Amino acid sequence: MSDNYLDQLAREDAIKTLAARADLALATAENIPSPCVSVCSMDEDSGLCEGCWRTVDEICDWAVNDDAEKRAVWAGIARRLQQAHPDVLA
């Protein structure tokens, strides 16, 4: 197997895992978990973290957001993932 193929599989798995975490977070009433996966690198083109798909503002505001605002961030992540990777999340 080529490294590119393995990288693609790993990327698809990460996308599916983050989407599943978004579903769980949206169903959580309180103590919403952080989307952070410790892959903190901002994509220059999209302006999103490559690990958690949040904007810089969403990352900076996380600690002061209430649960409703945190769920809204997760909803945004889910929407971005679906728009960017409909084939992976089909």
PDB file of N, CA and C in Angstrom:
ATOM      1  N   MET A   1       0.843  -1.187   0.000  1.00  0.00           N
ATOM      2  CA  MET A   1       0.000   0.000   0.000  1.00  0.00           C
ATOM      3  C   MET A   1       0.883   1.243   0.000  1.00  0.00           C
ATOM      4  N   SER A   2       0.449   2.216  -0.744  1.00  0.00           N
ATOM      5  CA  SER A   2       1.233   3.439  -0.817  1.00  0.00           C
ATOM      6  C   SER A   2       0.950   4.327   0.397  1.00  0.00           C
ATOM      7  N   ASP A   3       1.921   5.180   0.690  1.00  0.00           N
ATOM      8  CA  ASP A   3       1.744   6.121   1.799  1.00  0.00           C
ATOM      9  C   ASP A   3       0.576   7.062   1.544  1.00  0.00           C
ATOM     10  N   ASN A   4       0.370   7.457   0.278  1.00  0.00           N
ATOM     11  CA  ASN A   4      -0.740   8.359  -0.049  1.00  0.00           C
ATOM     12  C   ASN A   4      -2.085   7.703   0.262  1.00  0.00           C
ATOM     13  N   TYR A   5      -2.198   6.419  -0.059  1.00  0.00           N
ATOM     14  CA  TYR A   5      -3.438   5.702   0.213  1.00  0.00           C
ATOM     15  C   TYR A   5      -3.692   5.612   1.712  1.00  0.00           C
ATOM     16  N   LEU A   6      -2.647   5.300   2.476  1.00  0.00           N
ATOM     17  CA  LEU A   6      -2.783   5.210   3.930  1.00  0.00           C
ATOM     18  C   LEU A   6      -3.110   6.571   4.531  1.00  0.00           C
ATOM     19  N   ASP A   7      -2.486   7.619   4.006  1.00  0.00           N
ATOM     20  CA  ASP A   7      -2.802   8.975   4.473  1.00  0.00           C
ATOM     21  C   ASP A   7      -4.259   9.313   4.204  1.00  0.00           C
ATOM     22  N   GLN A   8      -4.758   8.930   3.035  1.00  0.00           N
ATOM     23  CA  GLN A   8      -6.154   9.187   2.684  1.00  0.00           C
ATOM     24  C   GLN A   8      -7.098   8.442   3.626  1.00  0.00           C
ATOM     25  N   LEU A   9      -6.784   7.185   3.917  1.00  0.00           N
ATOM     26  CA  LEU A   9      -7.608   6.415   4.851  1.00  0.00           C
ATOM     27  C   LEU A   9      -7.603   7.045   6.240  1.00  0.00           C
ATOM     28  N   ALA A  10      -6.449   7.485   6.694  1.00  0.00           N
ATOM     29  CA  ALA A  10      -6.350   8.119   8.008  1.00  0.00           C
ATOM     30  C   ALA A  10      -7.142   9.416   8.043  1.00  0.00           C
ATOM     31  N   ARG A  11      -7.075  10.200   6.969  1.00  0.00           N
ATOM     32  CA  ARG A  11      -7.822  11.464   6.894  1.00  0.00           C
ATOM     33  C   ARG A  11      -9.332  11.199   6.926  1.00  0.00           C
ATOM     34  N   GLU A  12      -9.776  10.208   6.149  1.00  0.00           N
ATOM     35  CA  GLU A  12     -11.200   9.869   6.136  1.00  0.00           C
ATOM     36  C   GLU A  12     -11.663   9.390   7.509  1.00  0.00           C
ATOM     37  N   ASP A  13     -10.839   8.601   8.177  1.00  0.00           N
ATOM     38  CA  ASP A  13     -11.181   8.131   9.519  1.00  0.00           C
ATOM     39  C   ASP A  13     -11.286   9.301  10.492  1.00  0.00           C
ATOM     40  N   ALA A  14     -10.361  10.248  10.397  1.00  0.00           N
ATOM     41  CA  ALA A  14     -10.392  11.426  11.275  1.00  0.00           C
ATOM     42  C   ALA A  14     -11.650  12.256  11.022  1.00  0.00           C
ATOM     43  N   ILE A  15     -12.040  12.409   9.772  1.00  0.00           N
ATOM     44  CA  ILE A  15     -13.248  13.165   9.418  1.00  0.00           C
ATOM     45  C   ILE A  15     -14.484  12.480   9.993  1.00  0.00           C
ATOM     46  N   LYS A  16     -14.566  11.162   9.814  1.00  0.00           N
ATOM     47  CA  LYS A  16     -15.712  10.409  10.343  1.00  0.00           C
ATOM     48  C   LYS A  16     -15.762  10.472  11.861  1.00  0.00           C
ATOM     49  N   THR A  17     -14.602  10.391  12.509  1.00  0.00           N
ATOM     50  CA  THR A  17     -14.549  10.439  13.970  1.00  0.00           C
ATOM     51  C   THR A  17     -15.000  11.802  14.480  1.00  0.00           C
ATOM     52  N   LEU A  18     -14.521  12.884  13.851  1.00  0.00           N
ATOM     53  CA  LEU A  18     -14.925  14.217  14.280  1.00  0.00           C
ATOM     54  C   LEU A  18     -16.419  14.432  14.046  1.00  0.00           C
ATOM     55  N   ALA A  19     -16.945  13.935  12.939  1.00  0.00           N
ATOM     56  CA  ALA A  19     -18.387  14.056  12.664  1.00  0.00           C
ATOM     57  C   ALA A  19     -19.197  13.295  13.708  1.00  0.00           C
ATOM     58  N   ALA A  20     -18.738  12.110  14.104  1.00  0.00           N
ATOM     59  CA  ALA A  20     -19.440  11.340  15.140  1.00  0.00           C
ATOM     60  C   ALA A  20     -19.375  12.058  16.484  1.00  0.00           C
ATOM     61  N   ARG A  21     -18.231  12.666  16.790  1.00  0.00           N
ATOM     62  CA  ARG A  21     -18.119  13.440  18.038  1.00  0.00           C
ATOM     63  C   ARG A  21     -19.065  14.634  18.015  1.00  0.00           C
ATOM     64  N   ALA A  22     -19.242  15.241  16.836  1.00  0.00           N
ATOM     65  CA  ALA A  22     -20.172  16.366  16.713  1.00  0.00           C
ATOM     66  C   ALA A  22     -21.595  15.909  17.014  1.00  0.00           C
ATOM     67  N   ASP A  23     -21.981  14.767  16.483  1.00  0.00           N
ATOM     68  CA  ASP A  23     -23.318  14.234  16.758  1.00  0.00           C
ATOM     69  C   ASP A  23     -23.522  14.024  18.260  1.00  0.00           C
ATOM     70  N   LEU A  24     -22.530  13.454  18.922  1.00  0.00           N
ATOM     71  CA  LEU A  24     -22.634  13.223  20.366  1.00  0.00           C
ATOM     72  C   LEU A  24     -22.686  14.530  21.145  1.00  0.00           C
ATOM     73  N   ALA A  25     -21.851  15.480  20.763  1.00  0.00           N
ATOM     74  CA  ALA A  25     -21.825  16.763  21.473  1.00  0.00           C
ATOM     75  C   ALA A  25     -23.144  17.504  21.318  1.00  0.00           C
ATOM     76  N   LEU A  26     -23.747  17.424  20.140  1.00  0.00           N
ATOM     77  CA  LEU A  26     -25.020  18.106  19.911  1.00  0.00           C
ATOM     78  C   LEU A  26     -26.147  17.490  20.721  1.00  0.00           C
ATOM     79  N   ALA A  27     -25.995  16.235  21.112  1.00  0.00           N
ATOM     80  CA  ALA A  27     -27.013  15.551  21.915  1.00  0.00           C
ATOM     81  C   ALA A  27     -26.752  15.686  23.410  1.00  0.00           C
ATOM     82  N   THR A  28     -25.664  16.355  23.781  1.00  0.00           N
ATOM     83  CA  THR A  28     -25.281  16.507  25.182  1.00  0.00           C
ATOM     84  C   THR A  28     -25.926  17.762  25.761  1.00  0.00           C
ATOM     85  N   ALA A  29     -26.514  17.629  26.939  1.00  0.00           N
ATOM     86  CA  ALA A  29     -27.222  18.753  27.555  1.00  0.00           C
ATOM     87  C   ALA A  29     -26.286  19.757  28.220  1.00  0.00           C
ATOM     88  N   GLU A  30     -25.236  19.286  28.838  1.00  0.00           N
ATOM     89  CA  GLU A  30     -24.316  20.184  29.542  1.00  0.00           C
ATOM     90  C   GLU A  30     -22.914  19.597  29.532  1.00  0.00           C
ATOM     91  N   ASN A  31     -21.954  20.422  29.950  1.00  0.00           N
ATOM     92  CA  ASN A  31     -20.545  20.019  29.936  1.00  0.00           C
ATOM     93  C   ASN A  31     -20.117  19.514  28.551  1.00  0.00           C
ATOM     94  N   ILE A  32     -20.372  20.343  27.561  1.00  0.00           N
ATOM     95  CA  ILE A  32     -20.074  20.002  26.174  1.00  0.00           C
ATOM     96  C   ILE A  32     -18.557  19.830  26.019  1.00  0.00           C
ATOM     97  N   PRO A  33     -18.109  18.701  25.450  1.00  0.00           N
ATOM     98  CA  PRO A  33     -16.670  18.476  25.309  1.00  0.00           C
ATOM     99  C   PRO A  33     -16.054  19.362  24.232  1.00  0.00           C
ATOM    100  N   SER A  34     -14.796  19.672  24.405  1.00  0.00           N
ATOM    101  CA  SER A  34     -14.068  20.459  23.419  1.00  0.00           C
ATOM    102  C   SER A  34     -13.846  19.642  22.147  1.00  0.00           C
ATOM    103  N   PRO A  35     -13.909  20.300  20.993  1.00  0.00           N
ATOM    104  CA  PRO A  35     -13.609  19.616  19.736  1.00  0.00           C
ATOM    105  C   PRO A  35     -12.110  19.359  19.533  1.00  0.00           C
ATOM    106  N   CYS A  36     -11.259  19.943  20.348  1.00  0.00           N
ATOM    107  CA  CYS A  36      -9.817  19.856  20.160  1.00  0.00           C
ATOM    108  C   CYS A  36      -9.350  18.402  20.126  1.00  0.00           C
ATOM    109  N   VAL A  37      -8.499  18.100  19.127  1.00  0.00           N
ATOM    110  CA  VAL A  37      -7.900  16.775  19.010  1.00  0.00           C
ATOM    111  C   VAL A  37      -6.369  16.872  19.050  1.00  0.00           C
ATOM    112  N   SER A  38      -5.874  18.004  19.528  1.00  0.00           N
ATOM    113  CA  SER A  38      -4.429  18.259  19.679  1.00  0.00           C
ATOM    114  C   SER A  38      -3.667  18.193  18.362  1.00  0.00           C
ATOM    115  N   VAL A  39      -4.320  18.600  17.295  1.00  0.00           N
ATOM    116  CA  VAL A  39      -3.679  18.793  15.995  1.00  0.00           C
ATOM    117  C   VAL A  39      -3.908  20.258  15.658  1.00  0.00           C
ATOM    118  N   CYS A  40      -3.162  21.107  16.306  1.00  0.00           N
ATOM    119  CA  CYS A  40      -3.413  22.545  16.248  1.00  0.00           C
ATOM    120  C   CYS A  40      -2.573  23.205  15.170  1.00  0.00           C
ATOM    121  N   SER A  41      -3.166  23.292  13.992  1.00  0.00           N
ATOM    122  CA  SER A  41      -2.514  23.912  12.849  1.00  0.00           C
ATOM    123  C   SER A  41      -3.598  24.555  11.999  1.00  0.00           C
ATOM    124  N   MET A  42      -3.463  25.849  11.790  1.00  0.00           N
ATOM    125  CA  MET A  42      -4.481  26.567  11.033  1.00  0.00           C
ATOM    126  C   MET A  42      -4.209  26.468   9.534  1.00  0.00           C
ATOM    127  N   ASP A  43      -5.236  26.102   8.783  1.00  0.00           N
ATOM    128  CA  ASP A  43      -5.158  26.056   7.328  1.00  0.00           C
ATOM    129  C   ASP A  43      -5.299  27.478   6.804  1.00  0.00           C
ATOM    130  N   GLU A  44      -4.318  27.940   6.060  1.00  0.00           N
ATOM    131  CA  GLU A  44      -4.329  29.327   5.573  1.00  0.00           C
ATOM    132  C   GLU A  44      -5.483  29.602   4.615  1.00  0.00           C
ATOM    133  N   ASP A  45      -5.852  28.621   3.807  1.00  0.00           N
ATOM    134  CA  ASP A  45      -6.908  28.837   2.816  1.00  0.00           C
ATOM    135  C   ASP A  45      -8.294  28.908   3.457  1.00  0.00           C
ATOM    136  N   SER A  46      -8.580  27.972   4.361  1.00  0.00           N
ATOM    137  CA  SER A  46      -9.919  27.918   4.952  1.00  0.00           C
ATOM    138  C   SER A  46     -10.039  28.768   6.216  1.00  0.00           C
ATOM    139  N   GLY A  47      -8.915  29.009   6.888  1.00  0.00           N
ATOM    140  CA  GLY A  47      -8.958  29.717   8.167  1.00  0.00           C
ATOM    141  C   GLY A  47      -9.422  28.837   9.307  1.00  0.00           C
ATOM    142  N   LEU A  48      -9.424  27.508   9.088  1.00  0.00           N
ATOM    143  CA  LEU A  48      -9.886  26.558  10.098  1.00  0.00           C
ATOM    144  C   LEU A  48      -8.721  25.747  10.629  1.00  0.00           C
ATOM    145  N   CYS A  49      -8.839  25.317  11.877  1.00  0.00           N
ATOM    146  CA  CYS A  49      -7.869  24.394  12.443  1.00  0.00           C
ATOM    147  C   CYS A  49      -7.981  23.075  11.677  1.00  0.00           C
ATOM    148  N   GLU A  50      -6.855  22.507  11.308  1.00  0.00           N
ATOM    149  CA  GLU A  50      -6.867  21.252  10.552  1.00  0.00           C
ATOM    150  C   GLU A  50      -7.304  20.068  11.404  1.00  0.00           C
ATOM    151  N   GLY A  51      -7.226  20.204  12.731  1.00  0.00           N
ATOM    152  CA  GLY A  51      -7.632  19.116  13.610  1.00  0.00           C
ATOM    153  C   GLY A  51      -9.101  19.140  13.986  1.00  0.00           C
ATOM    154  N   CYS A  52      -9.586  20.303  14.416  1.00  0.00           N
ATOM    155  CA  CYS A  52     -10.949  20.368  14.947  1.00  0.00           C
ATOM    156  C   CYS A  52     -11.923  21.170  14.079  1.00  0.00           C
ATOM    157  N   TRP A  53     -11.422  21.767  13.028  1.00  0.00           N
ATOM    158  CA  TRP A  53     -12.270  22.500  12.077  1.00  0.00           C
ATOM    159  C   TRP A  53     -12.939  23.729  12.673  1.00  0.00           C
ATOM    160  N   ARG A  54     -12.311  24.314  13.704  1.00  0.00           N
ATOM    161  CA  ARG A  54     -12.831  25.565  14.272  1.00  0.00           C
ATOM    162  C   ARG A  54     -12.047  26.757  13.741  1.00  0.00           C
ATOM    163  N   THR A  55     -12.683  27.930  13.788  1.00  0.00           N
ATOM    164  CA  THR A  55     -12.005  29.178  13.466  1.00  0.00           C
ATOM    165  C   THR A  55     -11.179  29.606  14.678  1.00  0.00           C
ATOM    166  N   VAL A  56     -10.289  30.560  14.466  1.00  0.00           N
ATOM    167  CA  VAL A  56      -9.494  31.082  15.580  1.00  0.00           C
ATOM    168  C   VAL A  56     -10.414  31.666  16.648  1.00  0.00           C
ATOM    169  N   ASP A  57     -11.442  32.412  16.236  1.00  0.00           N
ATOM    170  CA  ASP A  57     -12.368  32.998  17.205  1.00  0.00           C
ATOM    171  C   ASP A  57     -13.089  31.918  18.011  1.00  0.00           C
ATOM    172  N   GLU A  58     -13.507  30.845  17.347  1.00  0.00           N
ATOM    173  CA  GLU A  58     -14.192  29.763  18.062  1.00  0.00           C
ATOM    174  C   GLU A  58     -13.259  29.091  19.065  1.00  0.00           C
ATOM    175  N   ILE A  59     -12.007  28.942  18.690  1.00  0.00           N
ATOM    176  CA  ILE A  59     -11.027  28.347  19.603  1.00  0.00           C
ATOM    177  C   ILE A  59     -10.798  29.261  20.807  1.00  0.00           C
ATOM    178  N   CYS A  60     -10.587  30.541  20.549  1.00  0.00           N
ATOM    179  CA  CYS A  60     -10.307  31.495  21.631  1.00  0.00           C
ATOM    180  C   CYS A  60     -11.496  31.676  22.571  1.00  0.00           C
ATOM    181  N   ASP A  61     -12.707  31.607  22.044  1.00  0.00           N
ATOM    182  CA  ASP A  61     -13.907  31.844  22.848  1.00  0.00           C
ATOM    183  C   ASP A  61     -14.407  30.605  23.580  1.00  0.00           C
ATOM    184  N   TRP A  62     -13.877  29.429  23.272  1.00  0.00           N
ATOM    185  CA  TRP A  62     -14.417  28.175  23.806  1.00  0.00           C
ATOM    186  C   TRP A  62     -14.543  28.198  25.325  1.00  0.00           C
ATOM    187  N   ALA A  63     -13.522  28.636  26.014  1.00  0.00           N
ATOM    188  CA  ALA A  63     -13.508  28.573  27.480  1.00  0.00           C
ATOM    189  C   ALA A  63     -14.579  29.444  28.130  1.00  0.00           C
ATOM    190  N   VAL A  64     -15.012  30.488  27.443  1.00  0.00           N
ATOM    191  CA  VAL A  64     -16.020  31.385  28.020  1.00  0.00           C
ATOM    192  C   VAL A  64     -17.424  31.155  27.452  1.00  0.00           C
ATOM    193  N   ASN A  65     -17.532  30.291  26.458  1.00  0.00           N
ATOM    194  CA  ASN A  65     -18.844  30.006  25.869  1.00  0.00           C
ATOM    195  C   ASN A  65     -19.707  29.188  26.829  1.00  0.00           C
ATOM    196  N   ASP A  66     -21.017  29.452  26.782  1.00  0.00           N
ATOM    197  CA  ASP A  66     -21.935  28.596  27.545  1.00  0.00           C
ATOM    198  C   ASP A  66     -22.240  27.356  26.707  1.00  0.00           C
ATOM    199  N   ASP A  67     -23.003  26.433  27.264  1.00  0.00           N
ATOM    200  CA  ASP A  67     -23.259  25.165  26.574  1.00  0.00           C
ATOM    201  C   ASP A  67     -23.970  25.363  25.239  1.00  0.00           C
ATOM    202  N   ALA A  68     -24.898  26.312  25.165  1.00  0.00           N
ATOM    203  CA  ALA A  68     -25.605  26.558  23.900  1.00  0.00           C
ATOM    204  C   ALA A  68     -24.633  27.060  22.832  1.00  0.00           C
ATOM    205  N   GLU A  69     -23.722  27.939  23.209  1.00  0.00           N
ATOM    206  CA  GLU A  69     -22.739  28.446  22.258  1.00  0.00           C
ATOM    207  C   GLU A  69     -21.782  27.328  21.825  1.00  0.00           C
ATOM    208  N   LYS A  70     -21.434  26.451  22.745  1.00  0.00           N
ATOM    209  CA  LYS A  70     -20.553  25.328  22.409  1.00  0.00           C
ATOM    210  C   LYS A  70     -21.250  24.367  21.446  1.00  0.00           C
ATOM    211  N   ARG A  71     -22.536  24.119  21.665  1.00  0.00           N
ATOM    212  CA  ARG A  71     -23.274  23.277  20.735  1.00  0.00           C
ATOM    213  C   ARG A  71     -23.331  23.932  19.354  1.00  0.00           C
ATOM    214  N   ALA A  72     -23.466  25.251  19.309  1.00  0.00           N
ATOM    215  CA  ALA A  72     -23.486  25.971  18.034  1.00  0.00           C
ATOM    216  C   ALA A  72     -22.147  25.817  17.300  1.00  0.00           C
ATOM    217  N   VAL A  73     -21.047  25.825  18.036  1.00  0.00           N
ATOM    218  CA  VAL A  73     -19.735  25.606  17.426  1.00  0.00           C
ATOM    219  C   VAL A  73     -19.679  24.198  16.835  1.00  0.00           C
ATOM    220  N   TRP A  74     -20.131  23.210  17.613  1.00  0.00           N
ATOM    221  CA  TRP A  74     -20.159  21.832  17.112  1.00  0.00           C
ATOM    222  C   TRP A  74     -21.045  21.711  15.873  1.00  0.00           C
ATOM    223  N   ALA A  75     -22.166  22.404  15.857  1.00  0.00           N
ATOM    224  CA  ALA A  75     -23.050  22.370  14.684  1.00  0.00           C
ATOM    225  C   ALA A  75     -22.330  22.949  13.467  1.00  0.00           C
ATOM    226  N   GLY A  76     -21.570  24.002  13.689  1.00  0.00           N
ATOM    227  CA  GLY A  76     -20.783  24.582  12.601  1.00  0.00           C
ATOM    228  C   GLY A  76     -19.733  23.620  12.080  1.00  0.00           C
ATOM    229  N   ILE A  77     -19.087  22.906  12.991  1.00  0.00           N
ATOM    230  CA  ILE A  77     -18.093  21.902  12.592  1.00  0.00           C
ATOM    231  C   ILE A  77     -18.765  20.820  11.745  1.00  0.00           C
ATOM    232  N   ALA A  78     -19.894  20.323  12.207  1.00  0.00           N
ATOM    233  CA  ALA A  78     -20.613  19.275  11.471  1.00  0.00           C
ATOM    234  C   ALA A  78     -21.002  19.764  10.082  1.00  0.00           C
ATOM    235  N   ARG A  79     -21.474  20.990   9.990  1.00  0.00           N
ATOM    236  CA  ARG A  79     -21.874  21.568   8.705  1.00  0.00           C
ATOM    237  C   ARG A  79     -20.653  21.696   7.775  1.00  0.00           C
ATOM    238  N   ARG A  80     -19.548  22.192   8.303  1.00  0.00           N
ATOM    239  CA  ARG A  80     -18.333  22.345   7.491  1.00  0.00           C
ATOM    240  C   ARG A  80     -17.834  20.995   6.977  1.00  0.00           C
ATOM    241  N   LEU A  81     -17.824  20.001   7.867  1.00  0.00           N
ATOM    242  CA  LEU A  81     -17.377  18.676   7.460  1.00  0.00           C
ATOM    243  C   LEU A  81     -18.261  18.112   6.353  1.00  0.00           C
ATOM    244  N   GLN A  82     -19.566  18.262   6.490  1.00  0.00           N
ATOM    245  CA  GLN A  82     -20.498  17.738   5.487  1.00  0.00           C
ATOM    246  C   GLN A  82     -20.319  18.462   4.156  1.00  0.00           C
ATOM    247  N   GLN A  83     -20.119  19.757   4.210  1.00  0.00           N
ATOM    248  CA  GLN A  83     -19.946  20.528   2.964  1.00  0.00           C
ATOM    249  C   GLN A  83     -18.627  20.179   2.271  1.00  0.00           C
ATOM    250  N   ALA A  84     -17.583  19.968   3.061  1.00  0.00           N
ATOM    251  CA  ALA A  84     -16.264  19.705   2.487  1.00  0.00           C
ATOM    252  C   ALA A  84     -16.068  18.252   2.068  1.00  0.00           C
ATOM    253  N   HIS A  85     -16.764  17.337   2.742  1.00  0.00           N
ATOM    254  CA  HIS A  85     -16.547  15.902   2.505  1.00  0.00           C
ATOM    255  C   HIS A  85     -17.844  15.105   2.429  1.00  0.00           C
ATOM    256  N   PRO A  86     -18.759  15.485   1.548  1.00  0.00           N
ATOM    257  CA  PRO A  86     -20.030  14.747   1.486  1.00  0.00           C
ATOM    258  C   PRO A  86     -19.831  13.292   1.090  1.00  0.00           C
ATOM    259  N   ASP A  87     -18.786  13.002   0.310  1.00  0.00           N
ATOM    260  CA  ASP A  87     -18.539  11.628  -0.121  1.00  0.00           C
ATOM    261  C   ASP A  87     -18.075  10.746   1.038  1.00  0.00           C
ATOM    262  N   VAL A  88     -17.307  11.312   1.963  1.00  0.00           N
ATOM    263  CA  VAL A  88     -16.789  10.556   3.110  1.00  0.00           C
ATOM    264  C   VAL A  88     -17.899  10.315   4.126  1.00  0.00           C
ATOM    265  N   LEU A  89     -18.805  11.287   4.257  1.00  0.00           N
ATOM    266  CA  LEU A  89     -19.844  11.219   5.283  1.00  0.00           C
ATOM    267  C   LEU A  89     -21.183  10.737   4.742  1.00  0.00           C
ATOM    268  N   ALA A  90     -21.181  10.198   3.552  1.00  0.00           N
ATOM    269  CA  ALA A  90     -22.430   9.715   2.932  1.00  0.00           C
ATOM    270  C   ALA A  90     -22.960   8.488   3.647  1.00  0.00           C
TER     271      ALA A  90
END
